[in-house]
Amino acid sequence: MQKNTNLNSKILTLAESIVPDVIYKSKLKGIKEVPNWESHLEYDFSKDIPVSNDSHYIDFGSRNTGKFMHIMQELYPDYNIIDSGHYYYPKTGYMGWHTNSNKPCKRVYITYTDGQSFFRYKQGNDIITDYDNIGITVREFDIPELPEQLWHCVGSYANRFSFGFRLE
């Protein structure tokens, strides 16, 4: 993705056109910081958690994520593409550890951030923290069929906007 600067530029321009409205509407709802939010990303992998039950984000709806659909169809013409996540993580925003085991498939997340944020996942016995680029990051990963699992979580020290897609 980094090699295709024209496509990155399109994605960046589109994200930057969406972000101000999402922030404005989120401020109307009230944005709160979570003290000690990192403690919510401690983990216990003893039982499957398909959907995180501990998170701090604002769901801004599929309308904005759908604006990326033509780009996704260009990148993945052989897949049925379904928008699956549209989250604004304000400073101290997070989504706790989970597996998405209820919907195994390939996933793509386009993230836009104005500071430090990350996608964290378990690989074997290691915990890997993959920091987002300031601006745009495009991250592709597979959610396997059980009994395999991809444990992952998200955290943000800044404004982070996630536009997610399932590829089936």
C-alpha atoms as a PDB file:
ATOM      1  CA  MET A   1       0.000   0.000   0.000  1.00  0.00           C
ATOM      2  CA  GLN A   2       2.814   2.441   0.785  1.00  0.00           C
ATOM      3  CA  LYS A   3       4.100   2.159  -2.803  1.00  0.00           C
ATOM      4  CA  ASN A   4       0.856   3.405  -4.298  1.00  0.00           C
ATOM      5  CA  THR A   5       1.056   7.076  -3.352  1.00  0.00           C
ATOM      6  CA  ASN A   6      -1.872   8.053  -5.592  1.00  0.00           C
ATOM      7  CA  LEU A   7      -4.168   5.609  -3.798  1.00  0.00           C
ATOM      8  CA  ASN A   8      -2.844   6.696  -0.395  1.00  0.00           C
ATOM      9  CA  SER A   9      -3.509  10.286  -1.372  1.00  0.00           C
ATOM     10  CA  LYS A  10      -7.126   9.440  -2.316  1.00  0.00           C
ATOM     11  CA  ILE A  11      -7.645   7.634   0.986  1.00  0.00           C
ATOM     12  CA  LEU A  12      -6.076  10.480   2.977  1.00  0.00           C
ATOM     13  CA  THR A  13      -8.173  13.128   1.211  1.00  0.00           C
ATOM     14  CA  LEU A  14     -11.355  11.131   1.803  1.00  0.00           C
ATOM     15  CA  ALA A  15     -10.556  10.522   5.480  1.00  0.00           C
ATOM     16  CA  GLU A  16      -9.709  14.183   6.060  1.00  0.00           C
ATOM     17  CA  SER A  17     -13.063  15.168   4.542  1.00  0.00           C
ATOM     18  CA  ILE A  18     -14.936  12.901   6.989  1.00  0.00           C
ATOM     19  CA  VAL A  19     -13.054  13.569  10.247  1.00  0.00           C
ATOM     20  CA  PRO A  20     -14.245  17.134  11.069  1.00  0.00           C
ATOM     21  CA  ASP A  21     -17.927  16.171  10.932  1.00  0.00           C
ATOM     22  CA  VAL A  22     -17.345  13.075  13.088  1.00  0.00           C
ATOM     23  CA  ILE A  23     -15.468  15.138  15.694  1.00  0.00           C
ATOM     24  CA  TYR A  24     -18.170  17.824  15.686  1.00  0.00           C
ATOM     25  CA  LYS A  25     -21.010  15.316  16.184  1.00  0.00           C
ATOM     26  CA  SER A  26     -18.999  13.458  18.825  1.00  0.00           C
ATOM     27  CA  LYS A  27     -18.443  16.671  20.782  1.00  0.00           C
ATOM     28  CA  LEU A  28     -22.195  17.221  20.786  1.00  0.00           C
ATOM     29  CA  LYS A  29     -22.632  13.770  22.345  1.00  0.00           C
ATOM     30  CA  GLY A  30     -19.843  14.452  24.813  1.00  0.00           C
ATOM     31  CA  ILE A  31     -16.337  13.079  24.590  1.00  0.00           C
ATOM     32  CA  LYS A  32     -14.873  11.822  27.840  1.00  0.00           C
ATOM     33  CA  GLU A  33     -11.367  10.681  28.684  1.00  0.00           C
ATOM     34  CA  VAL A  34     -10.916   7.408  30.551  1.00  0.00           C
ATOM     35  CA  PRO A  35      -8.404   7.562  33.407  1.00  0.00           C
ATOM     36  CA  ASN A  36      -6.014   4.579  33.453  1.00  0.00           C
ATOM     37  CA  TRP A  37      -7.439   3.362  30.148  1.00  0.00           C
ATOM     38  CA  GLU A  38      -4.378   1.202  29.462  1.00  0.00           C
ATOM     39  CA  SER A  39      -5.451  -1.071  32.330  1.00  0.00           C
ATOM     40  CA  HIS A  40      -8.466  -2.038  30.206  1.00  0.00           C
ATOM     41  CA  LEU A  41      -6.052  -3.659  27.750  1.00  0.00           C
ATOM     42  CA  GLU A  42      -4.725  -6.209  30.196  1.00  0.00           C
ATOM     43  CA  TYR A  43      -5.493  -9.660  28.927  1.00  0.00           C
ATOM     44  CA  ASP A  44      -6.725 -13.073  29.860  1.00  0.00           C
ATOM     45  CA  PHE A  45      -6.792 -15.462  26.937  1.00  0.00           C
ATOM     46  CA  SER A  46      -8.473 -18.308  28.841  1.00  0.00           C
ATOM     47  CA  LYS A  47     -11.821 -18.085  27.031  1.00  0.00           C
ATOM     48  CA  ASP A  48     -12.903 -16.796  23.639  1.00  0.00           C
ATOM     49  CA  ILE A  49     -14.289 -13.256  23.438  1.00  0.00           C
ATOM     50  CA  PRO A  50     -15.756 -12.862  19.912  1.00  0.00           C
ATOM     51  CA  VAL A  51     -16.803  -9.232  20.472  1.00  0.00           C
ATOM     52  CA  SER A  52     -15.106  -6.897  22.925  1.00  0.00           C
ATOM     53  CA  ASN A  53     -17.196  -6.233  26.007  1.00  0.00           C
ATOM     54  CA  ASP A  54     -14.905  -3.447  27.230  1.00  0.00           C
ATOM     55  CA  SER A  55     -14.360  -0.442  24.986  1.00  0.00           C
ATOM     56  CA  HIS A  56     -14.405   3.340  24.738  1.00  0.00           C
ATOM     57  CA  TYR A  57     -15.197   4.640  21.252  1.00  0.00           C
ATOM     58  CA  ILE A  58     -17.940   6.350  19.295  1.00  0.00           C
ATOM     59  CA  ASP A  59     -19.585   4.440  16.452  1.00  0.00           C
ATOM     60  CA  PHE A  60     -20.041   7.033  13.693  1.00  0.00           C
ATOM     61  CA  GLY A  61     -22.085   4.832  11.379  1.00  0.00           C
ATOM     62  CA  SER A  62     -21.636   3.042   8.104  1.00  0.00           C
ATOM     63  CA  ARG A  63     -22.425   6.029   5.877  1.00  0.00           C
ATOM     64  CA  ASN A  64     -18.883   7.376   6.255  1.00  0.00           C
ATOM     65  CA  THR A  65     -17.215   3.984   5.944  1.00  0.00           C
ATOM     66  CA  GLY A  66     -19.242   3.365   2.782  1.00  0.00           C
ATOM     67  CA  LYS A  67     -17.470   6.315   1.150  1.00  0.00           C
ATOM     68  CA  PHE A  68     -14.374   4.098   0.889  1.00  0.00           C
ATOM     69  CA  MET A  69     -16.253   1.279  -0.847  1.00  0.00           C
ATOM     70  CA  HIS A  70     -15.155   2.186  -4.392  1.00  0.00           C
ATOM     71  CA  ILE A  71     -11.513   2.092  -3.279  1.00  0.00           C
ATOM     72  CA  MET A  72     -12.004  -1.254  -1.548  1.00  0.00           C
ATOM     73  CA  GLN A  73     -13.683  -2.696  -4.648  1.00  0.00           C
ATOM     74  CA  GLU A  74     -10.734  -1.514  -6.731  1.00  0.00           C
ATOM     75  CA  LEU A  75      -8.254  -3.155  -4.336  1.00  0.00           C
ATOM     76  CA  TYR A  76     -10.241  -6.376  -3.763  1.00  0.00           C
ATOM     77  CA  PRO A  77     -12.330  -7.023  -6.906  1.00  0.00           C
ATOM     78  CA  ASP A  78     -12.778 -10.744  -6.152  1.00  0.00           C
ATOM     79  CA  TYR A  79     -14.401 -10.271  -2.746  1.00  0.00           C
ATOM     80  CA  ASN A  80     -17.821  -9.437  -1.408  1.00  0.00           C
ATOM     81  CA  ILE A  81     -16.989  -6.384   0.741  1.00  0.00           C
ATOM     82  CA  ILE A  82     -19.044  -5.540   3.815  1.00  0.00           C
ATOM     83  CA  ASP A  83     -18.425  -2.480   5.970  1.00  0.00           C
ATOM     84  CA  SER A  84     -17.890  -3.755   9.482  1.00  0.00           C
ATOM     85  CA  GLY A  85     -16.518  -1.034  11.694  1.00  0.00           C
ATOM     86  CA  HIS A  86     -16.768   2.738  11.919  1.00  0.00           C
ATOM     87  CA  TYR A  87     -15.193   3.889  15.123  1.00  0.00           C
ATOM     88  CA  TYR A  88     -13.854   7.136  16.473  1.00  0.00           C
ATOM     89  CA  TYR A  89     -11.428   6.532  19.325  1.00  0.00           C
ATOM     90  CA  PRO A  90     -10.829   9.836  21.110  1.00  0.00           C
ATOM     91  CA  LYS A  91      -7.764  10.328  23.291  1.00  0.00           C
ATOM     92  CA  THR A  92      -7.841   7.385  25.770  1.00  0.00           C
ATOM     93  CA  GLY A  93     -10.109   5.448  23.405  1.00  0.00           C
ATOM     94  CA  TYR A  94      -9.744   1.693  23.193  1.00  0.00           C
ATOM     95  CA  MET A  95     -11.351  -1.595  22.252  1.00  0.00           C
ATOM     96  CA  GLY A  96     -10.517  -4.443  24.607  1.00  0.00           C
ATOM     97  CA  TRP A  97      -9.142  -7.825  23.641  1.00  0.00           C
ATOM     98  CA  HIS A  98     -11.370  -9.932  21.406  1.00  0.00           C
ATOM     99  CA  THR A  99     -11.149 -12.471  18.549  1.00  0.00           C
ATOM    100  CA  ASN A 100     -14.021 -11.803  16.085  1.00  0.00           C
ATOM    101  CA  SER A 101     -14.328 -15.620  16.023  1.00  0.00           C
ATOM    102  CA  ASN A 102     -18.043 -15.256  15.301  1.00  0.00           C
ATOM    103  CA  LYS A 103     -17.223 -13.920  11.792  1.00  0.00           C
ATOM    104  CA  PRO A 104     -14.055 -15.501  10.385  1.00  0.00           C
ATOM    105  CA  CYS A 105     -12.829 -13.830   7.183  1.00  0.00           C
ATOM    106  CA  LYS A 106     -10.215 -11.434   5.868  1.00  0.00           C
ATOM    107  CA  ARG A 107     -10.446  -7.949   7.418  1.00  0.00           C
ATOM    108  CA  VAL A 108      -9.150  -4.593   6.241  1.00  0.00           C
ATOM    109  CA  TYR A 109      -9.064  -1.499   8.407  1.00  0.00           C
ATOM    110  CA  ILE A 110      -8.227   1.949   7.135  1.00  0.00           C
ATOM    111  CA  THR A 111      -7.219   4.127  10.064  1.00  0.00           C
ATOM    112  CA  TYR A 112      -6.625   7.840  10.230  1.00  0.00           C
ATOM    113  CA  THR A 113      -4.903   9.297  13.279  1.00  0.00           C
ATOM    114  CA  ASP A 114      -3.401  12.607  14.312  1.00  0.00           C
ATOM    115  CA  GLY A 115      -1.095  11.079  16.940  1.00  0.00           C
ATOM    116  CA  GLN A 116      -0.038   7.820  18.546  1.00  0.00           C
ATOM    117  CA  SER A 117      -2.439   4.882  18.376  1.00  0.00           C
ATOM    118  CA  PHE A 118      -2.058   1.172  17.820  1.00  0.00           C
ATOM    119  CA  PHE A 119      -3.389  -2.241  16.865  1.00  0.00           C
ATOM    120  CA  ARG A 120      -2.133  -4.903  19.287  1.00  0.00           C
ATOM    121  CA  TYR A 121      -2.336  -8.637  18.709  1.00  0.00           C
ATOM    122  CA  LYS A 122      -1.176 -11.973  20.090  1.00  0.00           C
ATOM    123  CA  GLN A 123       1.181 -14.011  17.924  1.00  0.00           C
ATOM    124  CA  GLY A 124       2.141 -17.290  19.578  1.00  0.00           C
ATOM    125  CA  ASN A 125       3.294 -16.317  23.066  1.00  0.00           C
ATOM    126  CA  ASP A 126       4.187 -12.766  22.020  1.00  0.00           C
ATOM    127  CA  ILE A 127       2.130  -9.581  22.208  1.00  0.00           C
ATOM    128  CA  ILE A 128       2.855  -7.360  19.188  1.00  0.00           C
ATOM    129  CA  THR A 129       2.010  -3.653  19.199  1.00  0.00           C
ATOM    130  CA  ASP A 130       1.702  -2.294  15.661  1.00  0.00           C
ATOM    131  CA  TYR A 131       1.633   1.514  15.812  1.00  0.00           C
ATOM    132  CA  ASP A 132      -0.442   3.428  13.274  1.00  0.00           C
ATOM    133  CA  ASN A 133       1.192   5.959  10.995  1.00  0.00           C
ATOM    134  CA  ILE A 134       0.145   9.540  11.595  1.00  0.00           C
ATOM    135  CA  GLY A 135      -2.297  10.084   8.758  1.00  0.00           C
ATOM    136  CA  ILE A 136      -3.319   6.849   7.031  1.00  0.00           C
ATOM    137  CA  THR A 137      -2.597   3.213   7.852  1.00  0.00           C
ATOM    138  CA  VAL A 138      -4.145   0.334   5.929  1.00  0.00           C
ATOM    139  CA  ARG A 139      -4.033  -2.941   7.844  1.00  0.00           C
ATOM    140  CA  GLU A 140      -5.126  -6.335   6.488  1.00  0.00           C
ATOM    141  CA  PHE A 141      -5.446  -9.433   8.660  1.00  0.00           C
ATOM    142  CA  ASP A 142      -7.236 -12.773   8.742  1.00  0.00           C
ATOM    143  CA  ILE A 143      -9.739 -13.885  11.365  1.00  0.00           C
ATOM    144  CA  PRO A 144      -9.371 -17.678  11.355  1.00  0.00           C
ATOM    145  CA  GLU A 145     -11.943 -20.388  11.943  1.00  0.00           C
ATOM    146  CA  LEU A 146     -12.058 -21.808  15.466  1.00  0.00           C
ATOM    147  CA  PRO A 147     -10.165 -23.353  17.153  1.00  0.00           C
ATOM    148  CA  GLU A 148      -7.562 -20.875  15.828  1.00  0.00           C
ATOM    149  CA  GLN A 149      -7.929 -17.295  17.100  1.00  0.00           C
ATOM    150  CA  LEU A 150      -6.479 -13.877  16.409  1.00  0.00           C
ATOM    151  CA  TRP A 151      -6.625 -12.053  19.721  1.00  0.00           C
ATOM    152  CA  HIS A 152      -6.387  -8.296  19.176  1.00  0.00           C
ATOM    153  CA  CYS A 153      -7.221  -4.924  20.712  1.00  0.00           C
ATOM    154  CA  VAL A 154      -6.896  -1.207  19.897  1.00  0.00           C
ATOM    155  CA  GLY A 155      -5.692   1.769  21.906  1.00  0.00           C
ATOM    156  CA  SER A 156      -5.276   5.466  21.239  1.00  0.00           C
ATOM    157  CA  TYR A 157      -3.420   8.386  22.801  1.00  0.00           C
ATOM    158  CA  ALA A 158      -4.871  10.701  20.132  1.00  0.00           C
ATOM    159  CA  ASN A 159      -7.816  10.940  17.715  1.00  0.00           C
ATOM    160  CA  ARG A 160      -8.099   7.658  15.779  1.00  0.00           C
ATOM    161  CA  PHE A 161     -10.732   6.905  13.139  1.00  0.00           C
ATOM    162  CA  SER A 162     -11.226   3.325  11.938  1.00  0.00           C
ATOM    163  CA  PHE A 163     -13.042   2.365   8.758  1.00  0.00           C
ATOM    164  CA  GLY A 164     -13.398  -1.425   8.728  1.00  0.00           C
ATOM    165  CA  PHE A 165     -14.331  -3.993   6.101  1.00  0.00           C
ATOM    166  CA  ARG A 166     -14.948  -7.734   5.984  1.00  0.00           C
ATOM    167  CA  LEU A 167     -13.854  -9.461   2.781  1.00  0.00           C
ATOM    168  CA  GLU A 168     -15.892 -12.597   2.092  1.00  0.00           C
END
